[in-house]
PDB file of N, CA and C in Angstrom:
ATOM      1  N   ASN A   1      -1.260   9.775  -3.218  1.00  0.00           N
ATOM      2  CA  ASN A   1      -2.426   9.105  -3.775  1.00  0.00           C
ATOM      3  C   ASN A   1      -2.082   8.520  -5.122  1.00  0.00           C
ATOM      4  N   VAL A   2      -2.676   7.398  -5.401  1.00  0.00           N
ATOM      5  CA  VAL A   2      -2.372   6.707  -6.650  1.00  0.00           C
ATOM      6  C   VAL A   2      -2.667   7.578  -7.875  1.00  0.00           C
ATOM      7  N   GLN A   3      -3.688   8.428  -7.799  1.00  0.00           N
ATOM      8  CA  GLN A   3      -4.050   9.250  -8.956  1.00  0.00           C
ATOM      9  C   GLN A   3      -3.011  10.329  -9.252  1.00  0.00           C
ATOM     10  N   GLU A   4      -2.179  10.680  -8.299  1.00  0.00           N
ATOM     11  CA  GLU A   4      -1.127  11.654  -8.537  1.00  0.00           C
ATOM     12  C   GLU A   4      -0.030  11.091  -9.419  1.00  0.00           C
ATOM     13  N   VAL A   5       0.149   9.789  -9.389  1.00  0.00           N
ATOM     14  CA  VAL A   5       1.159   9.119 -10.201  1.00  0.00           C
ATOM     15  C   VAL A   5       0.563   8.556 -11.468  1.00  0.00           C
ATOM     16  N   TRP A   6      -0.568   7.907 -11.324  1.00  0.00           N
ATOM     17  CA  TRP A   6      -1.273   7.299 -12.464  1.00  0.00           C
ATOM     18  C   TRP A   6      -2.693   7.841 -12.491  1.00  0.00           C
ATOM     19  N   PRO A   7      -2.915   8.978 -13.167  1.00  0.00           N
ATOM     20  CA  PRO A   7      -4.231   9.620 -13.154  1.00  0.00           C
ATOM     21  C   PRO A   7      -5.379   8.762 -13.669  1.00  0.00           C
ATOM     22  N   HIS A   8      -5.101   7.806 -14.520  1.00  0.00           N
ATOM     23  CA  HIS A   8      -6.148   6.967 -15.100  1.00  0.00           C
ATOM     24  C   HIS A   8      -6.561   5.811 -14.181  1.00  0.00           C
ATOM     25  N   ARG A   9      -5.833   5.612 -13.087  1.00  0.00           N
ATOM     26  CA  ARG A   9      -6.159   4.505 -12.180  1.00  0.00           C
ATOM     27  C   ARG A   9      -7.334   4.869 -11.265  1.00  0.00           C
ATOM     28  N   GLU A  10      -8.086   3.856 -10.898  1.00  0.00           N
ATOM     29  CA  GLU A  10      -9.183   4.050  -9.949  1.00  0.00           C
ATOM     30  C   GLU A  10      -8.596   4.262  -8.555  1.00  0.00           C
ATOM     31  N   PRO A  11      -9.216   5.120  -7.743  1.00  0.00           N
ATOM     32  CA  PRO A  11      -8.733   5.301  -6.373  1.00  0.00           C
ATOM     33  C   PRO A  11      -8.936   4.022  -5.564  1.00  0.00           C
ATOM     34  N   VAL A  12      -7.976   3.735  -4.707  1.00  0.00           N
ATOM     35  CA  VAL A  12      -8.072   2.600  -3.799  1.00  0.00           C
ATOM     36  C   VAL A  12      -7.718   3.100  -2.387  1.00  0.00           C
ATOM     37  N   PRO A  13      -8.422   2.639  -1.372  1.00  0.00           N
ATOM     38  CA  PRO A  13      -8.237   3.197  -0.035  1.00  0.00           C
ATOM     39  C   PRO A  13      -6.850   2.978   0.558  1.00  0.00           C
ATOM     40  N   TYR A  14      -6.154   1.922   0.168  1.00  0.00           N
ATOM     41  CA  TYR A  14      -4.844   1.652   0.754  1.00  0.00           C
ATOM     42  C   TYR A  14      -3.710   2.411   0.062  1.00  0.00           C
ATOM     43  N   LEU A  15      -4.008   3.146  -0.995  1.00  0.00           N
ATOM     44  CA  LEU A  15      -2.997   3.984  -1.656  1.00  0.00           C
ATOM     45  C   LEU A  15      -3.364   5.464  -1.538  1.00  0.00           C
ATOM     46  N   ARG A  16      -3.722   5.881  -0.326  1.00  0.00           N
ATOM     47  CA  ARG A  16      -4.063   7.268  -0.042  1.00  0.00           C
ATOM     48  C   ARG A  16      -2.975   7.854   0.851  1.00  0.00           C
ATOM     49  N   SER A  17      -2.599   9.089   0.573  1.00  0.00           N
ATOM     50  CA  SER A  17      -1.615   9.735   1.426  1.00  0.00           C
ATOM     51  C   SER A  17      -2.287  10.209   2.715  1.00  0.00           C
ATOM     52  N   VAL A  18      -1.532  10.176   3.796  1.00  0.00           N
ATOM     53  CA  VAL A  18      -2.008  10.679   5.076  1.00  0.00           C
ATOM     54  C   VAL A  18      -0.885  11.498   5.699  1.00  0.00           C
ATOM     55  N   SER A  19      -1.259  12.525   6.412  1.00  0.00           N
ATOM     56  CA  SER A  19      -0.280  13.374   7.072  1.00  0.00           C
ATOM     57  C   SER A  19       0.190  12.695   8.365  1.00  0.00           C
ATOM     58  N   ASP A  20       1.484  12.772   8.636  1.00  0.00           N
ATOM     59  CA  ASP A  20       2.003  12.273   9.910  1.00  0.00           C
ATOM     60  C   ASP A  20       2.491  13.437  10.758  1.00  0.00           C
ATOM     61  N   ALA A  21       2.007  14.621  10.468  1.00  0.00           N
ATOM     62  CA  ALA A  21       2.428  15.817  11.193  1.00  0.00           C
ATOM     63  C   ALA A  21       1.468  16.105  12.340  1.00  0.00           C
ATOM     64  N   ASP A  22       2.001  16.662  13.407  1.00  0.00           N
ATOM     65  CA  ASP A  22       1.183  17.013  14.557  1.00  0.00           C
ATOM     66  C   ASP A  22       1.009  18.519  14.673  1.00  0.00           C
ATOM     67  N   GLY A  23       1.302  19.248  13.630  1.00  0.00           N
ATOM     68  CA  GLY A  23       1.249  20.700  13.666  1.00  0.00           C
ATOM     69  C   GLY A  23       2.612  21.333  13.853  1.00  0.00           C
ATOM     70  N   GLY A  24       3.531  20.601  14.465  1.00  0.00           N
ATOM     71  CA  GLY A  24       4.875  21.108  14.678  1.00  0.00           C
ATOM     72  C   GLY A  24       5.874  20.503  13.728  1.00  0.00           C
ATOM     73  N   GLY A  25       5.428  19.626  12.856  1.00  0.00           N
ATOM     74  CA  GLY A  25       6.315  18.958  11.908  1.00  0.00           C
ATOM     75  C   GLY A  25       6.009  17.480  11.864  1.00  0.00           C
ATOM     76  N   ALA A  26       6.685  16.802  10.989  1.00  0.00           N
ATOM     77  CA  ALA A  26       6.487  15.360  10.835  1.00  0.00           C
ATOM     78  C   ALA A  26       7.028  14.631  12.062  1.00  0.00           C
ATOM     79  N   TYR A  27       6.353  13.573  12.485  1.00  0.00           N
ATOM     80  CA  TYR A  27       6.804  12.813  13.663  1.00  0.00           C
ATOM     81  C   TYR A  27       8.186  12.192  13.461  1.00  0.00           C
ATOM     82  N   CYS A  28       8.507  11.818  12.237  1.00  0.00           N
ATOM     83  CA  CYS A  28       9.764  11.102  12.014  1.00  0.00           C
ATOM     84  C   CYS A  28      10.942  12.043  11.687  1.00  0.00           C
ATOM     85  N   ASP A  29      10.743  13.364  11.743  1.00  0.00           N
ATOM     86  CA  ASP A  29      11.848  14.255  11.359  1.00  0.00           C
ATOM     87  C   ASP A  29      13.010  14.242  12.345  1.00  0.00           C
ATOM     88  N   ILE A  30      12.854  13.645  13.523  1.00  0.00           N
ATOM     89  CA  ILE A  30      13.985  13.547  14.448  1.00  0.00           C
ATOM     90  C   ILE A  30      14.911  12.387  14.116  1.00  0.00           C
ATOM     91  N   SER A  31      14.465  11.514  13.226  1.00  0.00           N
ATOM     92  CA  SER A  31      15.275  10.354  12.831  1.00  0.00           C
ATOM     93  C   SER A  31      16.413  10.784  11.914  1.00  0.00           C
ATOM     94  N   ASN A  32      17.568  10.143  12.063  1.00  0.00           N
ATOM     95  CA  ASN A  32      18.679  10.431  11.155  1.00  0.00           C
ATOM     96  C   ASN A  32      18.433   9.817   9.780  1.00  0.00           C
ATOM     97  N   ARG A  33      17.363   9.058   9.621  1.00  0.00           N
ATOM     98  CA  ARG A  33      17.011   8.489   8.317  1.00  0.00           C
ATOM     99  C   ARG A  33      15.832   9.221   7.674  1.00  0.00           C
ATOM    100  N   TYR A  34      15.470  10.379   8.219  1.00  0.00           N
ATOM    101  CA  TYR A  34      14.336  11.137   7.684  1.00  0.00           C
ATOM    102  C   TYR A  34      14.644  11.698   6.301  1.00  0.00           C
ATOM    103  N   HIS A  35      15.854  12.123   6.074  1.00  0.00           N
ATOM    104  CA  HIS A  35      16.286  12.645   4.771  1.00  0.00           C
ATOM    105  C   HIS A  35      17.374  11.739   4.225  1.00  0.00           C
ATOM    106  N   TRP A  36      17.417  11.585   2.950  1.00  0.00           N
ATOM    107  CA  TRP A  36      18.479  10.805   2.323  1.00  0.00           C
ATOM    108  C   TRP A  36      18.753  11.362   0.939  1.00  0.00           C
ATOM    109  N   THR A  37      19.890  10.965   0.410  1.00  0.00           N
ATOM    110  CA  THR A  37      20.291  11.366  -0.924  1.00  0.00           C
ATOM    111  C   THR A  37      20.635  10.124  -1.723  1.00  0.00           C
ATOM    112  N   GLU A  38      20.210  10.118  -2.943  1.00  0.00           N
ATOM    113  CA  GLU A  38      20.549   9.015  -3.843  1.00  0.00           C
ATOM    114  C   GLU A  38      21.047   9.633  -5.143  1.00  0.00           C
ATOM    115  N   SER A  39      22.146   9.126  -5.644  1.00  0.00           N
ATOM    116  CA  SER A  39      22.722   9.653  -6.875  1.00  0.00           C
ATOM    117  C   SER A  39      22.689   8.581  -7.952  1.00  0.00           C
ATOM    118  N   TRP A  40      22.275   8.980  -9.133  1.00  0.00           N
ATOM    119  CA  TRP A  40      22.239   8.090 -10.285  1.00  0.00           C
ATOM    120  C   TRP A  40      22.987   8.761 -11.424  1.00  0.00           C
ATOM    121  N   SER A  41      23.686   7.969 -12.178  1.00  0.00           N
ATOM    122  CA  SER A  41      24.303   8.508 -13.387  1.00  0.00           C
ATOM    123  C   SER A  41      23.193   8.736 -14.420  1.00  0.00           C
ATOM    124  N   ARG A  42      23.489   9.507 -15.431  1.00  0.00           N
ATOM    125  CA  ARG A  42      22.513   9.732 -16.502  1.00  0.00           C
ATOM    126  C   ARG A  42      22.078   8.416 -17.133  1.00  0.00           C
ATOM    127  N   ARG A  43      23.061   7.557 -17.349  1.00  0.00           N
ATOM    128  CA  ARG A  43      22.789   6.255 -17.971  1.00  0.00           C
ATOM    129  C   ARG A  43      21.841   5.402 -17.114  1.00  0.00           C
ATOM    130  N   GLU A  44      22.112   5.365 -15.805  1.00  0.00           N
ATOM    131  CA  GLU A  44      21.252   4.599 -14.900  1.00  0.00           C
ATOM    132  C   GLU A  44      19.830   5.142 -14.869  1.00  0.00           C
ATOM    133  N   LEU A  45      19.706   6.453 -14.797  1.00  0.00           N
ATOM    134  CA  LEU A  45      18.389   7.079 -14.764  1.00  0.00           C
ATOM    135  C   LEU A  45      17.608   6.816 -16.047  1.00  0.00           C
ATOM    136  N   LEU A  46      18.246   6.985 -17.178  1.00  0.00           N
ATOM    137  CA  LEU A  46      17.567   6.741 -18.443  1.00  0.00           C
ATOM    138  C   LEU A  46      17.162   5.274 -18.588  1.00  0.00           C
ATOM    139  N   ALA A  47      18.005   4.377 -18.114  1.00  0.00           N
ATOM    140  CA  ALA A  47      17.676   2.956 -18.173  1.00  0.00           C
ATOM    141  C   ALA A  47      16.460   2.648 -17.299  1.00  0.00           C
ATOM    142  N   ALA A  48      16.439   3.204 -16.082  1.00  0.00           N
ATOM    143  CA  ALA A  48      15.313   2.974 -15.171  1.00  0.00           C
ATOM    144  C   ALA A  48      14.021   3.577 -15.740  1.00  0.00           C
ATOM    145  N   LEU A  49      14.097   4.776 -16.247  1.00  0.00           N
ATOM    146  CA  LEU A  49      12.915   5.414 -16.834  1.00  0.00           C
ATOM    147  C   LEU A  49      12.445   4.675 -18.070  1.00  0.00           C
ATOM    148  N   GLY A  50      13.368   4.276 -18.898  1.00  0.00           N
ATOM    149  CA  GLY A  50      13.015   3.548 -20.107  1.00  0.00           C
ATOM    150  C   GLY A  50      12.321   2.235 -19.791  1.00  0.00           C
ATOM    151  N   HIS A  51      12.837   1.532 -18.800  1.00  0.00           N
ATOM    152  CA  HIS A  51      12.237   0.252 -18.404  1.00  0.00           C
ATOM    153  C   HIS A  51      10.820   0.464 -17.892  1.00  0.00           C
ATOM    154  N   GLY A  52      10.651   1.445 -17.020  1.00  0.00           N
ATOM    155  CA  GLY A  52       9.325   1.715 -16.457  1.00  0.00           C
ATOM    156  C   GLY A  52       8.329   2.192 -17.487  1.00  0.00           C
ATOM    157  N   LEU A  53       8.766   3.003 -18.420  1.00  0.00           N
ATOM    158  CA  LEU A  53       7.873   3.509 -19.459  1.00  0.00           C
ATOM    159  C   LEU A  53       7.446   2.404 -20.402  1.00  0.00           C
ATOM    160  N   VAL A  54       8.384   1.539 -20.754  1.00  0.00           N
ATOM    161  CA  VAL A  54       8.041   0.419 -21.643  1.00  0.00           C
ATOM    162  C   VAL A  54       7.061  -0.509 -20.928  1.00  0.00           C
ATOM    163  N   GLU A  55       7.312  -0.780 -19.645  1.00  0.00           N
ATOM    164  CA  GLU A  55       6.394  -1.625 -18.879  1.00  0.00           C
ATOM    165  C   GLU A  55       4.996  -1.030 -18.814  1.00  0.00           C
ATOM    166  N   HIS A  56       4.944   0.275 -18.619  1.00  0.00           N
ATOM    167  CA  HIS A  56       3.655   0.954 -18.445  1.00  0.00           C
ATOM    168  C   HIS A  56       2.908   1.144 -19.759  1.00  0.00           C
ATOM    169  N   PHE A  57       3.591   1.585 -20.792  1.00  0.00           N
ATOM    170  CA  PHE A  57       2.947   1.923 -22.061  1.00  0.00           C
ATOM    171  C   PHE A  57       3.104   0.859 -23.134  1.00  0.00           C
ATOM    172  N   GLY A  58       3.983  -0.100 -22.911  1.00  0.00           N
ATOM    173  CA  GLY A  58       4.233  -1.132 -23.925  1.00  0.00           C
ATOM    174  C   GLY A  58       5.319  -0.698 -24.872  1.00  0.00           C
ATOM    175  N   ALA A  59       5.874  -1.654 -25.577  1.00  0.00           N
ATOM    176  CA  ALA A  59       6.988  -1.376 -26.499  1.00  0.00           C
ATOM    177  C   ALA A  59       6.515  -0.707 -27.756  1.00  0.00           C
TER     178      ALA A  59
END
């Protein structure tokens, strides 16, 4: 949900989480693309966070 990321934002119906589980697990867990790993260097992570924070809160 949008409020989990940006608590000050108004709720909107198209940014709501929905479960895709049938009780036995997620429908897509049989896919080989269900889990993934991404690695970032410290420098890359700080650059991405810095850019997003400046965009969100201003310089």
